[in-house]
Amino acid sequence: MAQSRPDHDPVSVGSLEFWSLTPEGREERLRILRDERPVSWQRPAEGSMLPQEDDAGFWAITRHADIQAVSKDPATFCSGQGVMIEDVPSDILEAASSFLATDAPRHTQLRRLVSAAFTPRQVKKIEAQIADQARRIVDDLIEAGDCDFVDQVSRRLPMWTIYEMCGLPVARREDAAHAADGMVSWADPDVRAGLEPADLLNQSLVTLITIGLELADDRRENPGEDLMTALVQAEVDGEQLSEEEIAAFFVLLSVAGNDTTRNTISRTAEALTRFPDQRKILQADFDGTIGTATDEFVRWASPVMTFRRVATRDVELHGQQIREGDWVVMFYASGNRDERVFTDPHVFDVTRSPNPHVGFGGGGPHFCMGNMLARTQLRALFGELLRRVPDLRTGEPVQLVGNFVDGVKSMPCTLNL
């Protein structure tokens, strides 16, 4: 006989009201759970597109050590049944998640295809291009003057980098980036602009799939030195990737390559305004500090807030009985503020070392393969900003409502040149 469910926790971390809070507001609740109930049974996330069973819910994992334990045990906590905190139709899941929502051995095979483009050697090849683009972005910022930092700075470098790697023509990049935004913004009423969440998600997904398939068709006829050419020519177990797999790869790269780094840039600029002493440390010795600083940028921003796993067997964690089939959701932002791991976690410290943050995931087979690329972009852009716009200040950010990425929709800045 199955053990009865505990009551849903009174500290809710699945409602849209919770996800409407600032990072500091969310942290107030997450700290309670970390300290008192590190594994808590929560009501289903608001925004699910499928009907929920009466006893539905998910387990919220809020401590750093537990996030790592779940991440490194894919045999017990699998990804193949979905990775998002809300329930979405299976066809959308398959089309949008690519190898994120697969397990070994298929995950290993598919990941190997893309990971070759993200090795340190490959990233080194485009380092000069990233540095040149960062210079041009700051050129344009100086010419524009006081402006929206997100629109003028944050969104531009990640979009350029990932689509340059894919070989996407410049004329299609803006449409693709806009659709990638829609993939993570459908819970935000301002972004939806009257559309139903499912409609915005479907529109965004169809746009990305269409662009991805068009690019794949072109690369079959006109191969180049880019990631899409590698995908259309690749074979797994003697078979080429299907159209659906190639399209899903493009969707994943668009979302993962754009939103995560963009929001890290925005939150870092905000932090350098709030902590001017840290700005001075970086400016005094940029080359000597940027190595530890980039990890602190990612820890502080925690741009990906949640990922789900599904229990493959009954298991106990912190005295809670997790059943086979239960959803287990890791709260990365909570793990990155865990006082058991980080000294003064609510202080932005560019010299923090060691810094075992879970901003790139908690380890295991799904650790972020683009981490080297993200570090390169952050180094290039903030090197330009701190040198050429040394007194840049940001204003109040406008928060995106959503449970996947910690999105900043807009944020004013003054250059003070």
Protein backbone atom coordinates (compact mmCIF):
# COMPACT_ATOMS: atom_id res chain seq x y z
CA MET A 1 0.00 0.00 0.00
CA ALA A 2 1.45 3.34 -1.05
CA GLN A 3 2.27 5.78 1.69
CA SER A 4 -0.04 8.80 1.77
CA ARG A 5 1.22 12.09 0.44
CA PRO A 6 2.32 14.81 2.84
CA ASP A 7 0.35 18.04 2.79
CA HIS A 8 1.42 20.56 0.21
CA ASP A 9 4.01 22.81 1.78
CA PRO A 10 2.68 26.17 3.04
CA VAL A 11 5.75 27.87 1.53
CA SER A 12 4.76 27.82 -2.12
CA VAL A 13 7.44 27.88 -4.83
CA GLY A 14 5.35 26.80 -7.80
CA SER A 15 2.78 29.58 -8.19
CA LEU A 16 2.93 32.38 -10.71
CA GLU A 17 2.81 34.74 -7.75
CA PHE A 18 6.10 33.25 -6.54
CA TRP A 19 7.69 33.53 -9.98
CA SER A 20 6.55 37.15 -10.23
CA LEU A 21 8.79 38.06 -7.28
CA THR A 22 12.27 39.51 -7.59
CA PRO A 23 15.18 37.09 -7.02
CA GLU A 24 15.47 38.50 -3.50
CA GLY A 25 11.78 37.91 -2.87
CA ARG A 26 12.00 34.32 -4.06
CA GLU A 27 15.10 33.78 -1.95
CA GLU A 28 13.18 34.63 1.24
CA ARG A 29 10.97 31.58 0.70
CA LEU A 30 13.71 29.33 -0.60
CA ARG A 31 15.83 30.00 2.47
CA ILE A 32 13.01 28.78 4.72
CA LEU A 33 12.79 25.56 2.74
CA ARG A 34 16.59 25.08 2.69
CA ASP A 35 16.75 25.46 6.45
CA GLU A 36 13.61 23.65 7.52
CA ARG A 37 12.28 21.42 4.71
CA PRO A 38 14.98 20.92 2.06
CA VAL A 39 12.77 18.41 0.25
CA SER A 40 9.20 19.73 0.20
CA TRP A 41 6.00 18.54 -1.48
CA GLN A 42 4.59 21.36 -3.60
CA ARG A 43 1.36 21.98 -5.47
CA PRO A 44 1.60 21.53 -9.26
CA ALA A 45 3.22 24.46 -10.97
CA GLU A 46 0.74 27.00 -12.25
CA GLY A 47 0.77 27.14 -16.02
CA SER A 48 0.68 23.43 -16.82
CA MET A 49 -1.05 22.86 -20.15
CA LEU A 50 -2.38 19.41 -19.27
CA PRO A 51 -4.94 18.49 -16.58
CA GLN A 52 -3.43 17.48 -13.23
CA GLU A 53 -4.39 14.51 -11.07
CA ASP A 54 -5.89 15.13 -7.65
CA ASP A 55 -2.72 14.19 -5.75
CA ALA A 56 -0.35 15.82 -8.24
CA GLY A 57 2.60 17.90 -7.20
CA PHE A 58 6.36 17.94 -7.23
CA TRP A 59 9.25 17.67 -4.81
CA ALA A 60 11.27 20.89 -4.49
CA ILE A 61 15.00 20.28 -3.95
CA THR A 62 16.60 23.39 -2.50
CA ARG A 63 19.98 22.48 -0.98
CA HIS A 64 23.22 22.51 -2.95
CA ALA A 65 24.29 18.99 -1.93
CA ASP A 66 20.93 17.48 -2.86
CA ILE A 67 20.90 19.21 -6.25
CA GLN A 68 24.29 17.67 -6.96
CA ALA A 69 23.15 14.26 -5.73
CA VAL A 70 20.07 14.25 -7.96
CA SER A 71 22.05 15.54 -10.95
CA LYS A 72 24.70 12.85 -10.63
CA ASP A 73 22.27 9.94 -10.28
CA PRO A 74 20.46 9.69 -13.64
CA ALA A 75 19.65 6.04 -12.96
CA THR A 76 17.37 7.12 -10.11
CA PHE A 77 16.36 10.56 -11.38
CA CYS A 78 15.87 10.47 -15.14
CA SER A 79 15.40 13.21 -17.75
CA GLY A 80 13.64 11.21 -20.44
CA GLN A 81 10.15 11.91 -19.07
CA GLY A 82 10.51 15.69 -19.21
CA VAL A 83 12.63 18.42 -17.67
CA MET A 84 10.25 21.36 -17.23
CA ILE A 85 8.46 22.19 -14.00
CA GLU A 86 5.03 22.25 -15.67
CA ASP A 87 3.40 19.59 -17.78
CA VAL A 88 3.35 20.23 -21.51
CA PRO A 89 2.12 18.02 -24.37
CA SER A 90 4.57 15.30 -25.40
CA ASP A 91 4.85 16.57 -28.98
CA ILE A 92 6.01 19.97 -27.71
CA LEU A 93 8.41 18.30 -25.29
CA GLU A 94 10.02 16.24 -28.05
CA ALA A 95 10.26 19.15 -30.46
CA ALA A 96 11.68 21.60 -27.94
CA SER A 97 13.97 19.67 -25.61
CA SER A 98 16.25 17.64 -27.88
CA PHE A 99 18.74 15.60 -25.82
CA LEU A 100 17.90 17.52 -22.62
CA ALA A 101 14.92 15.21 -22.28
CA THR A 102 16.74 11.96 -23.04
CA ASP A 103 18.74 9.45 -21.04
CA ALA A 104 21.69 7.22 -21.86
CA PRO A 105 22.55 5.75 -24.24
CA ARG A 106 20.66 8.04 -26.64
CA HIS A 107 21.57 11.14 -24.64
CA THR A 108 25.26 10.24 -24.79
CA GLN A 109 25.14 9.75 -28.55
CA LEU A 110 23.26 12.94 -29.34
CA ARG A 111 25.22 15.09 -26.90
CA ARG A 112 28.50 13.94 -28.42
CA LEU A 113 27.43 15.32 -31.81
CA VAL A 114 26.92 18.85 -30.52
CA SER A 115 29.58 18.90 -27.82
CA ALA A 116 32.36 18.82 -30.42
CA ALA A 117 31.43 22.40 -31.31
CA PHE A 118 31.86 23.57 -27.70
CA THR A 119 35.28 22.20 -26.79
CA PRO A 120 37.90 24.68 -25.54
CA ARG A 121 39.72 24.34 -28.87
CA GLN A 122 36.61 25.18 -30.89
CA VAL A 123 35.69 28.09 -28.62
CA LYS A 124 39.26 29.38 -28.95
CA LYS A 125 38.78 29.53 -32.72
CA ILE A 126 35.97 32.05 -32.43
CA GLU A 127 37.38 33.97 -29.46
CA ALA A 128 38.64 36.79 -31.69
CA GLN A 129 35.26 37.05 -33.39
CA ILE A 130 33.50 37.26 -30.02
CA ALA A 131 35.94 39.96 -28.88
CA ASP A 132 35.33 41.95 -32.07
CA GLN A 133 31.57 41.71 -31.66
CA ALA A 134 31.84 42.82 -28.03
CA ARG A 135 33.80 45.89 -29.17
CA ARG A 136 31.15 46.75 -31.73
CA ILE A 137 28.37 46.35 -29.17
CA VAL A 138 30.09 48.78 -26.82
CA ASP A 139 30.76 51.16 -29.75
CA ASP A 140 27.02 51.20 -30.40
CA LEU A 141 26.24 51.62 -26.70
CA ILE A 142 28.46 54.69 -26.45
CA GLU A 143 26.85 56.16 -29.55
CA ALA A 144 23.34 55.46 -28.22
CA GLY A 145 23.97 56.93 -24.77
CA ASP A 146 21.55 56.26 -21.93
CA CYS A 147 19.28 53.43 -23.04
CA ASP A 148 17.74 50.04 -22.29
CA PHE A 149 20.73 47.86 -21.40
CA VAL A 150 18.98 44.60 -22.30
CA ASP A 151 18.07 45.70 -25.80
CA GLN A 152 21.30 47.54 -26.53
CA VAL A 153 23.79 45.15 -24.92
CA SER A 154 22.66 41.93 -23.21
CA ARG A 155 20.72 40.31 -26.01
CA ARG A 156 23.13 41.06 -28.85
CA LEU A 157 26.29 39.07 -28.12
CA PRO A 158 24.66 35.71 -27.26
CA MET A 159 22.41 35.92 -30.31
CA TRP A 160 25.33 36.71 -32.61
CA THR A 161 27.55 33.97 -31.17
CA ILE A 162 25.15 31.04 -31.27
CA TYR A 163 23.75 31.84 -34.71
CA GLU A 164 27.21 32.48 -36.12
CA MET A 165 28.17 29.01 -34.91
CA CYS A 166 25.06 27.51 -36.53
CA GLY A 167 25.63 29.37 -39.80
CA LEU A 168 22.27 31.15 -39.69
CA PRO A 169 22.05 34.08 -42.12
CA VAL A 170 21.97 37.49 -40.45
CA ALA A 171 18.55 38.25 -41.92
CA ARG A 172 16.95 35.39 -39.96
CA ARG A 173 18.66 35.91 -36.59
CA GLU A 174 16.27 38.47 -35.14
CA ASP A 175 13.22 36.28 -35.90
CA ALA A 176 14.92 33.24 -34.39
CA ALA A 177 15.97 35.11 -31.24
CA HIS A 178 12.45 36.53 -30.81
CA ALA A 179 10.99 33.03 -31.06
CA ALA A 180 13.56 31.73 -28.56
CA ASP A 181 12.37 34.40 -26.14
CA GLY A 182 8.80 33.17 -26.58
CA MET A 183 9.84 29.64 -25.63
CA VAL A 184 10.66 30.77 -22.09
CA SER A 185 8.27 33.73 -21.74
CA TRP A 186 4.82 32.26 -22.30
CA ALA A 187 3.86 32.62 -18.62
CA ASP A 188 4.44 36.38 -18.72
CA PRO A 189 1.20 38.28 -19.44
CA ASP A 190 3.03 41.24 -21.00
CA VAL A 191 4.94 39.04 -23.42
CA ARG A 192 1.83 37.02 -24.31
CA ALA A 193 -0.01 40.22 -25.26
CA GLY A 194 -3.42 38.54 -25.09
CA LEU A 195 -2.36 35.15 -26.47
CA GLU A 196 -2.98 31.97 -24.55
CA PRO A 197 0.26 30.44 -23.17
CA ALA A 198 -0.04 27.41 -25.45
CA ASP A 199 -0.53 29.64 -28.49
CA LEU A 200 2.62 31.68 -27.82
CA LEU A 201 4.62 28.53 -27.13
CA ASN A 202 3.37 26.88 -30.31
CA GLN A 203 4.01 29.95 -32.44
CA SER A 204 7.53 30.29 -31.08
CA LEU A 205 8.27 26.61 -31.54
CA VAL A 206 6.95 26.50 -35.12
CA THR A 207 9.05 29.56 -36.03
CA LEU A 208 12.24 28.00 -34.69
CA ILE A 209 11.55 24.62 -36.28
CA THR A 210 10.84 26.25 -39.64
CA ILE A 211 14.02 28.33 -39.54
CA GLY A 212 16.06 25.32 -38.40
CA LEU A 213 14.75 23.05 -41.16
CA GLU A 214 15.30 25.70 -43.82
CA LEU A 215 18.88 26.11 -42.66
CA ALA A 216 19.39 22.34 -42.63
CA ASP A 217 18.07 22.04 -46.21
CA ASP A 218 20.44 24.79 -47.34
CA ARG A 219 23.44 23.15 -45.66
CA ARG A 220 22.75 19.84 -47.42
CA GLU A 221 23.07 21.69 -50.72
CA ASN A 222 25.69 24.20 -49.61
CA PRO A 223 27.80 22.74 -46.79
CA GLY A 224 29.93 25.10 -44.75
CA GLU A 225 32.20 25.16 -41.72
CA ASP A 226 29.41 25.43 -39.16
CA LEU A 227 27.43 23.43 -36.64
CA MET A 228 24.36 22.89 -38.85
CA THR A 229 26.53 21.36 -41.57
CA ALA A 230 27.97 18.99 -38.97
CA LEU A 231 24.46 17.99 -37.86
CA VAL A 232 23.11 17.24 -41.33
CA GLN A 233 26.21 15.19 -42.15
CA ALA A 234 26.37 13.36 -38.82
CA GLU A 235 25.54 9.71 -38.27
CA VAL A 236 24.56 7.90 -35.08
CA ASP A 237 24.83 4.11 -35.22
CA GLY A 238 25.10 4.33 -38.98
CA GLU A 239 21.97 6.46 -39.37
CA GLN A 240 21.68 10.14 -40.10
CA LEU A 241 19.70 12.37 -37.77
CA SER A 242 16.03 12.75 -38.59
CA GLU A 243 14.48 16.06 -39.58
CA GLU A 244 12.79 16.18 -36.18
CA GLU A 245 16.07 15.65 -34.32
CA ILE A 246 17.86 18.35 -36.29
CA ALA A 247 15.01 20.80 -35.70
CA ALA A 248 15.00 19.99 -31.98
CA PHE A 249 18.75 20.63 -31.83
CA PHE A 250 18.24 24.06 -33.37
CA VAL A 251 15.45 24.89 -30.90
CA LEU A 252 17.61 23.84 -27.96
CA LEU A 253 20.65 25.79 -29.14
CA SER A 254 18.54 28.89 -29.76
CA VAL A 255 17.05 28.88 -26.28
CA ALA A 256 20.11 27.69 -24.34
CA GLY A 257 22.52 29.89 -26.28
CA ASN A 258 20.48 33.07 -26.12
CA ASP A 259 18.55 33.43 -22.88
CA THR A 260 21.02 32.07 -20.36
CA THR A 261 24.02 34.23 -21.25
CA ARG A 262 21.85 37.25 -21.95
CA ASN A 263 20.32 37.21 -18.48
CA THR A 264 23.69 36.58 -16.85
CA ILE A 265 24.96 39.73 -18.58
CA SER A 266 21.98 41.73 -17.32
CA ARG A 267 22.18 40.49 -13.73
CA THR A 268 25.94 41.06 -13.66
CA ALA A 269 25.61 44.65 -14.82
CA GLU A 270 23.00 45.15 -12.11
CA ALA A 271 25.32 43.58 -9.50
CA LEU A 272 28.25 45.80 -10.51
CA THR A 273 26.00 48.79 -9.88
CA ARG A 274 24.87 47.48 -6.49
CA PHE A 275 28.39 46.47 -5.42
CA PRO A 276 30.70 49.25 -6.67
CA ASP A 277 33.61 47.89 -4.63
CA GLN A 278 33.54 44.75 -6.79
CA ARG A 279 33.56 46.87 -9.94
CA LYS A 280 36.71 48.59 -8.66
CA ILE A 281 38.41 45.24 -7.98
CA LEU A 282 37.75 44.12 -11.55
CA GLN A 283 38.87 47.40 -13.03
CA ALA A 284 42.10 47.39 -11.00
CA ASP A 285 43.15 43.91 -12.17
CA PHE A 286 40.79 42.61 -14.83
CA ASP A 287 43.02 39.84 -16.18
CA GLY A 288 43.88 38.61 -12.70
CA THR A 289 40.30 38.61 -11.47
CA ILE A 290 38.05 37.75 -14.39
CA GLY A 291 38.62 33.99 -13.96
CA THR A 292 36.97 33.87 -10.54
CA ALA A 293 34.61 36.69 -11.52
CA THR A 294 32.91 34.80 -14.35
CA ASP A 295 31.96 32.01 -11.95
CA GLU A 296 30.57 34.59 -9.56
CA PHE A 297 28.62 36.18 -12.42
CA VAL A 298 26.94 32.84 -13.10
CA ARG A 299 26.40 31.97 -9.42
CA TRP A 300 24.86 35.36 -8.75
CA ALA A 301 22.61 35.34 -11.83
CA SER A 302 21.63 31.64 -11.72
CA PRO A 303 20.02 32.21 -15.13
CA VAL A 304 18.44 28.75 -15.30
CA MET A 305 16.29 28.53 -12.19
CA THR A 306 14.83 25.02 -12.35
CA PHE A 307 15.11 21.65 -14.00
CA ARG A 308 12.97 18.59 -13.38
CA ARG A 309 13.85 14.93 -13.07
CA VAL A 310 11.50 11.95 -12.61
CA ALA A 311 12.15 9.22 -10.03
CA THR A 312 12.65 5.80 -11.61
CA ARG A 313 12.22 3.97 -8.28
CA ASP A 314 11.02 4.59 -4.75
CA VAL A 315 13.71 6.48 -2.85
CA GLU A 316 14.03 8.39 0.41
CA LEU A 317 15.60 11.85 0.63
CA HIS A 318 15.73 13.84 3.88
CA GLY A 319 13.10 11.57 5.35
CA GLN A 320 10.66 12.13 2.51
CA GLN A 321 9.38 9.12 0.60
CA ILE A 322 9.70 9.86 -3.10
CA ARG A 323 7.73 7.42 -5.22
CA GLU A 324 8.60 6.02 -8.60
CA GLY A 325 7.21 8.46 -11.17
CA ASP A 326 7.32 11.49 -8.86
CA TRP A 327 8.60 14.76 -10.19
CA VAL A 328 11.74 16.11 -8.53
CA VAL A 329 12.57 19.76 -9.28
CA MET A 330 16.00 21.24 -8.60
CA PHE A 331 16.06 24.93 -7.64
CA TYR A 332 19.48 26.08 -8.81
CA ALA A 333 19.16 29.63 -7.51
CA SER A 334 18.53 28.21 -4.05
CA GLY A 335 21.56 25.94 -4.27
CA ASN A 336 23.68 28.93 -5.26
CA ARG A 337 22.63 30.79 -2.09
CA ASP A 338 23.13 27.82 0.25
CA GLU A 339 24.89 29.01 3.40
CA ARG A 340 26.18 25.47 3.96
CA VAL A 341 28.42 25.90 0.91
CA PHE A 342 28.97 29.62 0.33
CA THR A 343 30.27 32.17 2.82
CA ASP A 344 28.11 35.32 2.67
CA PRO A 345 26.13 33.97 -0.31
CA HIS A 346 24.08 37.17 -0.58
CA VAL A 347 27.22 39.19 -1.27
CA PHE A 348 28.48 39.54 -4.84
CA ASP A 349 32.21 38.71 -4.60
CA VAL A 350 34.28 38.59 -7.80
CA THR A 351 37.20 37.01 -5.91
CA ARG A 352 35.12 34.15 -4.47
CA SER A 353 37.15 30.94 -4.50
CA PRO A 354 36.33 28.15 -4.42
CA ASN A 355 32.99 28.70 -6.09
CA PRO A 356 31.24 25.35 -6.63
CA HIS A 357 28.07 26.93 -8.02
CA VAL A 358 25.41 24.94 -9.82
CA GLY A 359 24.73 27.64 -12.40
CA PHE A 360 25.85 25.25 -15.15
CA GLY A 361 23.99 22.36 -13.53
CA GLY A 362 24.82 20.14 -10.60
CA GLY A 363 27.19 17.85 -12.49
CA GLY A 364 26.42 14.53 -14.10
CA PRO A 365 25.63 13.83 -17.77
CA HIS A 366 23.55 17.00 -18.30
CA PHE A 367 26.22 19.48 -17.17
CA CYS A 368 26.10 22.55 -19.47
CA MET A 369 28.30 21.92 -22.49
CA GLY A 370 28.29 25.62 -23.37
CA ASN A 371 29.99 26.76 -20.17
CA MET A 372 33.30 27.60 -21.90
CA LEU A 373 31.47 29.60 -24.55
CA ALA A 374 29.55 31.53 -21.88
CA ARG A 375 32.75 32.35 -19.99
CA THR A 376 34.37 33.62 -23.18
CA GLN A 377 31.44 35.91 -23.96
CA LEU A 378 31.30 37.28 -20.40
CA ARG A 379 35.02 37.97 -20.36
CA ALA A 380 34.95 39.75 -23.71
CA LEU A 381 31.92 41.91 -23.03
CA PHE A 382 32.72 42.99 -19.49
CA GLY A 383 36.32 43.65 -20.46
CA GLU A 384 35.02 46.21 -22.96
CA LEU A 385 32.37 47.65 -20.65
CA LEU A 386 34.61 48.10 -17.61
CA ARG A 387 37.38 49.70 -19.66
CA ARG A 388 35.36 51.96 -21.95
CA VAL A 389 32.21 52.69 -19.91
CA PRO A 390 33.75 52.53 -16.43
CA ASP A 391 30.94 54.34 -14.61
CA LEU A 392 27.95 52.61 -16.23
CA ARG A 393 24.99 52.34 -13.87
CA THR A 394 21.82 50.31 -14.26
CA GLY A 395 18.34 51.14 -13.02
CA GLU A 396 15.51 48.93 -11.81
CA PRO A 397 15.13 45.77 -13.95
CA VAL A 398 11.73 44.69 -15.24
CA GLN A 399 11.30 41.04 -14.24
CA LEU A 400 10.05 38.33 -16.58
CA VAL A 401 7.37 36.10 -15.08
CA GLY A 402 8.45 32.51 -15.60
CA ASN A 403 9.84 29.46 -13.80
CA PHE A 404 12.68 28.45 -16.12
CA VAL A 405 15.01 31.39 -16.77
CA ASP A 406 15.51 34.38 -14.50
CA GLY A 407 14.68 36.82 -17.26
CA VAL A 408 15.15 40.57 -17.34
CA LYS A 409 12.83 42.10 -19.92
CA SER A 410 14.34 45.57 -19.77
CA MET A 411 16.69 47.60 -17.58
CA PRO A 412 17.63 51.28 -18.01
CA CYS A 413 21.27 52.31 -17.90
CA THR A 414 23.20 55.55 -17.71
CA LEU A 415 26.72 55.80 -19.10
CA ASN A 416 28.03 58.79 -17.13
CA LEU A 417 30.79 59.38 -19.65
